[in-house]
N, C-alpha and C. Protein backbone atom coordinates (compact mmCIF):
# COMPACT_ATOMS: atom_id res chain seq x y z
N MET A 1 10.81 -12.54 19.58
CA MET A 1 11.29 -11.78 18.32
C MET A 1 10.97 -10.03 18.57
N GLN A 2 9.84 -10.02 19.44
CA GLN A 2 9.80 -8.59 19.79
C GLN A 2 10.98 -7.76 20.29
N LYS A 3 11.59 -8.74 21.37
CA LYS A 3 12.79 -8.21 21.86
C LYS A 3 13.92 -7.71 21.00
N ILE A 4 14.20 -8.75 19.80
CA ILE A 4 15.09 -8.63 19.03
C ILE A 4 15.01 -7.05 18.18
N CYS A 5 13.57 -7.19 17.76
CA CYS A 5 13.08 -6.16 16.70
C CYS A 5 13.39 -4.56 17.42
N ALA A 6 12.96 -4.78 18.84
CA ALA A 6 12.99 -3.35 19.52
C ALA A 6 14.17 -2.45 19.44
N SER A 7 15.42 -3.07 19.55
CA SER A 7 16.57 -2.17 19.21
C SER A 7 17.08 -2.25 18.08
N CYS A 8 16.39 -2.77 16.91
CA CYS A 8 16.77 -3.09 15.34
C CYS A 8 16.79 -1.32 14.93
N PRO A 9 17.91 -0.75 14.36
CA PRO A 9 17.88 0.57 13.61
C PRO A 9 17.11 0.44 12.56
N VAL A 10 16.75 -0.41 11.92
CA VAL A 10 15.60 -0.05 10.65
C VAL A 10 14.40 -0.88 10.99
N LYS A 11 14.28 -1.00 12.41
CA LYS A 11 12.60 -1.35 12.45
C LYS A 11 11.46 -0.83 11.70
N GLN A 12 11.63 0.35 11.48
CA GLN A 12 10.39 1.40 10.94
C GLN A 12 10.52 0.99 9.46
N GLN A 13 11.45 1.05 8.89
CA GLN A 13 11.77 0.70 7.19
C GLN A 13 11.35 -0.85 7.15
N CYS A 14 11.56 -1.63 8.13
CA CYS A 14 11.16 -3.12 7.83
C CYS A 14 9.43 -3.27 8.15
N LEU A 15 9.02 -2.37 8.82
CA LEU A 15 7.66 -2.74 9.00
C LEU A 15 6.96 -1.81 7.82
N ASP A 16 7.60 -0.73 7.39
CA ASP A 16 6.97 -0.03 6.20
C ASP A 16 6.79 -1.34 5.11
N HIS A 17 7.97 -1.80 4.71
CA HIS A 17 8.03 -2.72 3.80
C HIS A 17 6.94 -3.82 3.89
N ALA A 18 6.96 -4.48 5.05
CA ALA A 18 5.86 -5.39 5.47
C ALA A 18 4.67 -5.17 5.35
N LEU A 19 4.44 -3.86 5.74
CA LEU A 19 2.78 -3.51 5.29
C LEU A 19 2.54 -3.43 3.90
N LYS A 20 3.47 -3.27 3.05
CA LYS A 20 3.04 -3.21 1.69
C LYS A 20 3.27 -4.52 1.14
N TYR A 21 4.11 -5.34 1.60
CA TYR A 21 4.42 -6.26 0.44
C TYR A 21 4.49 -7.89 1.44
N GLU A 22 4.72 -7.96 2.53
CA GLU A 22 4.75 -9.06 3.26
C GLU A 22 3.59 -9.86 3.98
N GLU A 23 3.00 -11.00 3.50
CA GLU A 23 1.79 -11.50 4.03
C GLU A 23 2.23 -12.18 5.14
N HIS A 24 3.18 -13.23 5.23
CA HIS A 24 3.38 -13.73 6.20
C HIS A 24 5.06 -13.61 7.12
N GLY A 25 5.23 -14.12 8.27
CA GLY A 25 6.19 -13.86 8.77
C GLY A 25 6.12 -12.96 9.62
N PHE A 26 7.54 -12.59 10.45
CA PHE A 26 8.01 -11.39 11.54
C PHE A 26 8.63 -10.60 10.94
N TRP A 27 8.09 -9.22 10.84
CA TRP A 27 8.77 -8.09 10.31
C TRP A 27 8.46 -6.93 11.30
N GLY A 28 9.32 -6.10 11.45
CA GLY A 28 9.33 -4.75 11.93
C GLY A 28 8.50 -4.88 13.21
N GLY A 29 8.73 -6.10 13.91
CA GLY A 29 8.10 -6.09 15.46
C GLY A 29 6.77 -6.66 15.46
N THR A 30 6.21 -7.39 14.24
CA THR A 30 4.57 -7.49 13.95
C THR A 30 4.79 -8.76 13.48
N ASN A 31 3.75 -9.37 13.69
CA ASN A 31 3.36 -10.91 12.98
C ASN A 31 2.01 -10.60 12.05
N ARG A 32 1.76 -11.48 11.23
CA ARG A 32 0.74 -11.48 10.29
C ARG A 32 -0.62 -10.79 10.84
N LYS A 33 -1.15 -11.20 11.71
CA LYS A 33 -2.24 -10.94 12.33
C LYS A 33 -2.53 -9.17 12.63
N SER A 34 -1.14 -9.00 13.54
CA SER A 34 -1.10 -7.65 13.73
C SER A 34 -0.91 -6.35 12.41
N ARG A 35 -0.21 -7.13 11.65
CA ARG A 35 -0.09 -6.48 10.13
C ARG A 35 -1.34 -6.18 9.42
N ASP A 36 -2.18 -7.42 9.37
CA ASP A 36 -3.50 -7.30 8.83
C ASP A 36 -4.43 -6.32 9.32
N ARG A 37 -4.48 -6.09 10.89
CA ARG A 37 -4.87 -5.01 11.61
C ARG A 37 -4.52 -3.75 11.24
N MET A 38 -3.05 -3.51 11.01
CA MET A 38 -2.87 -2.26 10.93
C MET A 38 -3.13 -1.84 9.45
N ARG A 39 -3.02 -2.88 8.38
CA ARG A 39 -3.24 -2.49 6.91
C ARG A 39 -4.88 -1.73 7.33
N LYS A 40 -5.81 -2.75 7.71
CA LYS A 40 -7.10 -2.40 7.64
C LYS A 40 -7.16 -0.83 8.18
N GLU A 41 -6.53 -0.61 9.36
CA GLU A 41 -6.69 0.87 10.09
C GLU A 41 -6.36 1.65 9.06
N LEU A 42 -5.13 1.36 8.54
CA LEU A 42 -4.22 2.35 7.71
C LEU A 42 -4.92 2.65 6.26
N GLY A 43 -5.64 1.60 5.72
CA GLY A 43 -6.41 1.39 4.57
C GLY A 43 -5.00 1.08 3.35
N ILE A 44 -4.14 0.53 3.98
CA ILE A 44 -3.29 -0.17 3.02
C ILE A 44 -3.57 -1.63 2.54
N GLU A 45 -3.29 -1.53 1.02
CA GLU A 45 -3.56 -3.01 0.31
C GLU A 45 -2.48 -3.72 0.03
N LEU A 46 -2.19 -4.75 0.45
CA LEU A 46 -1.20 -5.80 0.39
C LEU A 46 -0.80 -5.92 -1.18
N THR A 47 0.35 -5.66 -1.53
CA THR A 47 0.82 -5.92 -2.87
C THR A 47 1.94 -7.11 -2.77
N SER A 48 1.42 -8.00 -3.67
CA SER A 48 2.09 -9.19 -3.90
C SER A 48 3.41 -8.92 -4.95
N ILE A 49 4.57 -9.63 -4.13
CA ILE A 49 5.78 -9.13 -5.28
C ILE A 49 6.12 -10.68 -5.22
N GLU A 50 6.91 -10.85 -6.44
CA GLU A 50 7.61 -12.33 -6.88
C GLU A 50 9.13 -12.09 -6.84
N TYR A 51 9.65 -12.66 -5.88
CA TYR A 51 11.19 -12.25 -5.55
C TYR A 51 11.76 -12.92 -6.93
N GLU A 52 11.59 -13.85 -7.39
CA GLU A 52 12.37 -14.64 -8.49
C GLU A 52 12.45 -13.64 -9.52
N SER A 53 11.43 -13.11 -10.12
CA SER A 53 11.22 -11.92 -11.20
C SER A 53 12.02 -10.87 -10.99
N ILE A 54 12.03 -10.40 -9.55
CA ILE A 54 12.94 -9.22 -9.53
C ILE A 54 14.44 -9.74 -9.53
N PHE A 55 14.55 -10.71 -8.95
CA PHE A 55 16.09 -11.10 -9.26
C PHE A 55 16.66 -11.36 -10.66
N LYS A 56 15.81 -12.19 -11.35
CA LYS A 56 16.12 -12.30 -12.85
C LYS A 56 16.02 -10.78 -13.50
N TYR A 57 15.28 -10.18 -13.47
CA TYR A 57 15.18 -8.67 -13.90
C TYR A 57 16.64 -7.89 -13.68
N ALA A 58 17.19 -8.09 -12.19
CA ALA A 58 18.30 -7.43 -12.06
C ALA A 58 19.59 -8.23 -12.48
N ALA A 59 19.43 -9.31 -12.54
CA ALA A 59 20.64 -10.02 -13.27
C ALA A 59 20.70 -9.77 -14.81
N GLU A 60 19.52 -9.97 -15.28
CA GLU A 60 19.54 -9.29 -16.97
C GLU A 60 19.74 -8.22 -17.41
N ARG A 61 19.62 -6.96 -16.37
CA ARG A 61 19.82 -5.51 -16.54
C ARG A 61 21.39 -5.49 -16.30
N GLU A 62 22.02 -6.25 -15.25
CA GLU A 62 23.55 -6.06 -15.04
C GLU A 62 24.05 -6.91 -16.33
N ARG A 63 23.65 -7.88 -16.88
CA ARG A 63 24.44 -8.69 -18.09
C ARG A 63 24.48 -7.54 -19.01
N ILE A 64 23.22 -6.48 -19.33
CA ILE A 64 23.36 -5.86 -20.50
C ILE A 64 23.89 -4.63 -20.29
N GLU A 65 24.17 -4.13 -19.19
CA GLU A 65 25.10 -3.10 -18.64
C GLU A 65 26.39 -3.51 -18.83
N GLN A 66 26.97 -4.72 -18.57
CA GLN A 66 28.22 -5.30 -18.90
C GLN A 66 28.62 -5.47 -20.13
N ALA A 67 27.56 -5.85 -21.05
CA ALA A 67 27.89 -5.69 -22.47
C ALA A 67 28.19 -4.55 -23.14
N VAL A 68 27.43 -3.49 -22.50
CA VAL A 68 27.47 -2.27 -23.08
C VAL A 68 28.86 -1.68 -22.91
N GLN A 69 29.45 -2.10 -21.48
CA GLN A 69 30.72 -1.36 -21.04
C GLN A 69 31.58 -2.29 -22.01
N ALA A 70 31.75 -3.49 -22.18
CA ALA A 70 32.55 -4.24 -22.98
C ALA A 70 32.55 -3.74 -24.31
N GLN A 71 31.71 -3.25 -24.90
CA GLN A 71 31.59 -2.34 -26.30
C GLN A 71 32.30 -1.47 -26.25
N LYS A 72 31.97 -0.56 -25.28
CA LYS A 72 32.83 0.65 -25.18
C LYS A 72 34.23 0.50 -25.09
N ILE A 73 34.62 -0.64 -23.89
CA ILE A 73 36.22 -0.81 -24.01
C ILE A 73 37.03 -1.16 -25.24
N GLN A 74 35.73 -2.19 -26.24
CA GLN A 74 36.56 -2.49 -27.49
C GLN A 74 36.63 -1.61 -28.58
N GLY A 75 36.12 -0.21 -28.07
CA GLY A 75 36.34 0.80 -29.00
C GLY A 75 35.03 1.09 -30.06
N ARG A 76 34.20 0.23 -29.86
CA ARG A 76 32.85 -0.06 -30.79
C ARG A 76 31.92 1.06 -30.51
N GLY A 77 31.89 1.44 -29.17
CA GLY A 77 30.92 2.46 -28.71
C GLY A 77 29.51 1.72 -28.74
N ALA A 78 28.82 2.20 -27.90
CA ALA A 78 27.45 1.66 -27.78
C ALA A 78 26.20 2.48 -28.20
N LYS A 79 26.37 2.82 -29.46
CA LYS A 79 25.23 3.61 -29.84
C LYS A 79 24.06 3.01 -29.93
N LYS A 80 23.05 3.53 -29.44
CA LYS A 80 21.67 3.03 -29.12
C LYS A 80 20.90 3.11 -30.77
N ASN A 81 20.41 1.97 -31.07
CA ASN A 81 19.73 1.78 -32.36
C ASN A 81 18.86 0.59 -32.36
N SER A 82 18.21 0.53 -33.26
CA SER A 82 16.99 -0.52 -33.10
C SER A 82 17.86 -1.93 -33.11
N SER A 83 18.82 -2.05 -33.94
CA SER A 83 19.43 -3.02 -34.26
C SER A 83 20.66 -3.63 -33.29
N ASN A 84 20.97 -2.86 -32.43
CA ASN A 84 21.77 -3.21 -31.21
C ASN A 84 20.99 -3.27 -29.96
N THR A 85 20.32 -4.45 -29.49
CA THR A 85 19.40 -4.77 -28.50
C THR A 85 20.33 -4.41 -27.12
N LEU A 86 21.81 -4.65 -27.03
CA LEU A 86 22.71 -4.83 -25.92
C LEU A 86 22.73 -3.45 -25.62
N THR A 87 22.26 -2.48 -26.05
CA THR A 87 22.19 -0.98 -25.53
C THR A 87 21.13 -0.88 -24.75
N GLU A 88 20.33 -1.69 -24.62
CA GLU A 88 19.14 -1.35 -24.07
C GLU A 88 19.07 -1.78 -22.48
N LEU A 89 19.04 -0.67 -21.72
CA LEU A 89 19.26 -0.82 -20.32
C LEU A 89 18.10 -1.30 -19.52
N ASN A 90 16.86 -1.27 -20.42
CA ASN A 90 15.68 -1.98 -19.64
C ASN A 90 15.23 -3.25 -20.37
N PRO A 91 15.32 -4.35 -19.63
CA PRO A 91 15.00 -5.36 -20.04
C PRO A 91 13.74 -5.60 -20.73
N PHE A 92 12.62 -4.83 -20.20
CA PHE A 92 11.48 -5.02 -20.72
C PHE A 92 11.53 -4.33 -22.27
N ASP A 93 12.35 -3.48 -22.71
CA ASP A 93 12.69 -2.97 -24.05
C ASP A 93 12.86 -4.31 -24.87
N TYR A 94 13.97 -5.19 -24.36
CA TYR A 94 14.56 -5.99 -25.02
C TYR A 94 13.94 -7.16 -25.10
N TYR A 95 12.88 -8.00 -24.06
CA TYR A 95 12.15 -8.70 -24.05
C TYR A 95 10.62 -8.38 -24.29
N GLY A 96 10.29 -7.32 -24.42
CA GLY A 96 9.22 -6.99 -24.74
C GLY A 96 7.75 -7.04 -23.39
N ASP A 97 6.83 -6.84 -23.44
CA ASP A 97 5.97 -6.79 -22.16
C ASP A 97 5.65 -8.01 -21.69
N ASN A 98 6.09 -9.15 -22.25
CA ASN A 98 5.86 -10.22 -21.52
C ASN A 98 6.79 -11.12 -20.54
N LEU A 99 7.70 -10.10 -20.30
CA LEU A 99 8.76 -10.52 -19.60
C LEU A 99 8.53 -11.25 -18.09
N GLU A 100 7.90 -10.81 -17.38
CA GLU A 100 7.50 -11.18 -16.17
C GLU A 100 6.88 -12.93 -16.44
N GLU A 101 5.94 -12.79 -17.36
CA GLU A 101 5.13 -14.02 -17.82
C GLU A 101 6.25 -15.05 -18.15
N ASP A 102 7.27 -14.75 -19.04
CA ASP A 102 8.13 -15.72 -19.43
C ASP A 102 8.96 -16.30 -18.34
N TRP A 103 9.40 -15.36 -17.24
CA TRP A 103 10.18 -15.59 -16.13
C TRP A 103 9.61 -16.16 -14.90
N SER A 104 8.16 -16.65 -15.11
CA SER A 104 7.57 -17.04 -13.70
C SER A 104 7.64 -18.33 -14.05
N LEU A 105 7.76 -18.97 -12.66
CA LEU A 105 7.94 -20.30 -12.52
C LEU A 105 6.81 -21.34 -12.38
């Protein structure tokens, strides 16, 4: 794998991401143990991310944006007010603070 990664144009970005978020696998020419050492030396703390929640957040945001656009096309406009939740572009505003808990598997 290191040979493949050596010529990769995004190797550094891949490694930067892996140092912050990836516990397992081969990223940016490194394995788990080498990233653990690098994190310790650089004082980087691993941050857990849940891909499922991110994808659901993105899908919901897209759905809301499409609904707003549909309203504009129909001539109703998309005036932001408390009674029109489809104008909210942030799903956390629409669903409240428990969005991640509601979407966890």
